[in-house]
C-alpha atoms as a PDB file:
ATOM      1  CA  UNK A   1      77.766-136.722  23.388  1.00  0.00           C
ATOM      2  CA  UNK A   2      79.279-134.376  25.935  1.00  0.00           C
ATOM      3  CA  UNK A   3      77.394-131.404  24.445  1.00  0.00           C
ATOM      4  CA  UNK A   4      74.092-133.001  25.478  1.00  0.00           C
ATOM      5  CA  UNK A   5      75.185-132.661  29.114  1.00  0.00           C
ATOM      6  CA  UNK A   6      75.640-128.883  28.891  1.00  0.00           C
ATOM      7  CA  UNK A   7      72.959-126.861  30.701  1.00  0.00           C
ATOM      8  CA  UNK A   8      72.086-124.675  27.708  1.00  0.00           C
ATOM      9  CA  UNK A   9      71.008-127.753  25.743  1.00  0.00           C
ATOM     10  CA  UNK A  10      68.117-128.182  28.209  1.00  0.00           C
ATOM     11  CA  UNK A  11      66.617-124.824  27.237  1.00  0.00           C
ATOM     12  CA  UNK A  12      63.671-124.605  24.876  1.00  0.00           C
ATOM     13  CA  UNK A  13      64.253-122.752  21.606  1.00  0.00           C
ATOM     14  CA  UNK A  14      62.522-119.658  23.038  1.00  0.00           C
ATOM     15  CA  UNK A  15      64.509-119.840  26.271  1.00  0.00           C
ATOM     16  CA  UNK A  16      67.749-120.185  24.316  1.00  0.00           C
ATOM     17  CA  UNK A  17      66.823-117.145  22.224  1.00  0.00           C
ATOM     18  CA  UNK A  18      66.161-115.119  25.389  1.00  0.00           C
ATOM     19  CA  UNK A  19      69.291-116.532  27.049  1.00  0.00           C
ATOM     20  CA  UNK A  20      71.386-115.130  24.185  1.00  0.00           C
ATOM     21  CA  UNK A  21      69.622-111.769  24.362  1.00  0.00           C
ATOM     22  CA  UNK A  22      70.244-111.565  28.118  1.00  0.00           C
ATOM     23  CA  UNK A  23      73.885-112.567  27.655  1.00  0.00           C
ATOM     24  CA  UNK A  24      74.269-109.812  25.056  1.00  0.00           C
ATOM     25  CA  UNK A  25      73.005-107.263  27.554  1.00  0.00           C
ATOM     26  CA  UNK A  26      69.369-106.808  26.577  1.00  0.00           C
ATOM     27  CA  UNK A  27      66.971-105.920  29.378  1.00  0.00           C
ATOM     28  CA  UNK A  28      63.860-107.945  30.155  1.00  0.00           C
ATOM     29  CA  UNK A  29      61.763-104.978  29.007  1.00  0.00           C
ATOM     30  CA  UNK A  30      63.717-104.718  25.761  1.00  0.00           C
ATOM     31  CA  UNK A  31      63.381-108.458  25.165  1.00  0.00           C
ATOM     32  CA  UNK A  32      59.643-108.293  25.807  1.00  0.00           C
ATOM     33  CA  UNK A  33      59.244-105.461  23.297  1.00  0.00           C
ATOM     34  CA  UNK A  34      61.415-107.122  20.652  1.00  0.00           C
ATOM     35  CA  UNK A  35      59.642-110.485  20.929  1.00  0.00           C
ATOM     36  CA  UNK A  36      56.125-109.041  21.441  1.00  0.00           C
ATOM     37  CA  UNK A  37      55.835-110.572  24.906  1.00  0.00           C
ATOM     38  CA  UNK A  38      54.600-109.110  28.151  1.00  0.00           C
ATOM     39  CA  UNK A  39      57.348-108.075  30.555  1.00  0.00           C
ATOM     40  CA  UNK A  40      55.985-110.683  32.996  1.00  0.00           C
ATOM     41  CA  UNK A  41      56.359-113.456  30.395  1.00  0.00           C
ATOM     42  CA  UNK A  42      59.907-112.367  29.527  1.00  0.00           C
ATOM     43  CA  UNK A  43      60.743-112.238  33.238  1.00  0.00           C
ATOM     44  CA  UNK A  44      59.309-115.740  33.733  1.00  0.00           C
ATOM     45  CA  UNK A  45      61.500-117.010  30.889  1.00  0.00           C
ATOM     46  CA  UNK A  46      64.509-115.375  32.566  1.00  0.00           C
ATOM     47  CA  UNK A  47      63.682-117.110  35.865  1.00  0.00           C
ATOM     48  CA  UNK A  48      63.347-120.489  34.122  1.00  0.00           C
ATOM     49  CA  UNK A  49      66.626-119.951  32.265  1.00  0.00           C
ATOM     50  CA  UNK A  50      68.532-119.100  35.445  1.00  0.00           C
ATOM     51  CA  UNK A  51      67.062-122.183  37.126  1.00  0.00           C
ATOM     52  CA  UNK A  52      67.807-124.580  34.284  1.00  0.00           C
ATOM     53  CA  UNK A  53      71.314-123.170  33.920  1.00  0.00           C
ATOM     54  CA  UNK A  54      71.819-123.349  37.706  1.00  0.00           C
ATOM     55  CA  UNK A  55      73.207-119.825  37.874  1.00  0.00           C
ATOM     56  CA  UNK A  56      72.244-116.944  40.118  1.00  0.00           C
ATOM     57  CA  UNK A  57      72.894-113.926  37.957  1.00  0.00           C
ATOM     58  CA  UNK A  58      73.070-112.535  34.458  1.00  0.00           C
ATOM     59  CA  UNK A  59      76.823-112.112  34.939  1.00  0.00           C
ATOM     60  CA  UNK A  60      77.122-115.886  35.321  1.00  0.00           C
ATOM     61  CA  UNK A  61      75.027-116.356  32.154  1.00  0.00           C
ATOM     62  CA  UNK A  62      77.383-114.038  30.277  1.00  0.00           C
ATOM     63  CA  UNK A  63      80.420-115.911  31.561  1.00  0.00           C
ATOM     64  CA  UNK A  64      78.869-119.237  30.514  1.00  0.00           C
ATOM     65  CA  UNK A  65      77.962-117.911  27.056  1.00  0.00           C
ATOM     66  CA  UNK A  66      81.495-116.599  26.536  1.00  0.00           C
ATOM     67  CA  UNK A  67      83.132-119.814  27.760  1.00  0.00           C
ATOM     68  CA  UNK A  68      81.018-121.863  25.332  1.00  0.00           C
ATOM     69  CA  UNK A  69      81.292-119.440  22.369  1.00  0.00           C
ATOM     70  CA  UNK A  70      77.521-119.019  22.222  1.00  0.00           C
ATOM     71  CA  UNK A  71      77.394-115.297  21.542  1.00  0.00           C
ATOM     72  CA  UNK A  72      78.194-115.835  17.889  1.00  0.00           C
ATOM     73  CA  UNK A  73      74.897-117.711  17.483  1.00  0.00           C
ATOM     74  CA  UNK A  74      72.123-115.809  15.749  1.00  0.00           C
ATOM     75  CA  UNK A  75      68.894-114.785  17.483  1.00  0.00           C
END
């Protein structure tokens, strides 16, 4: 299916959860606190997400999430 070719489908469940939190405007520190992770771990997830999504900024993640109606998904 075409959906399988979308970059967000390559994310792990945890990465997708963090992707949505980033797209909704949460900070790495806030994500780390909410998910009981170290800030370094949350930051590493962010780096992996940006790489897998082939984007260079959070703004591009937000644009992608909006274009694909992903912000309605629950975290």
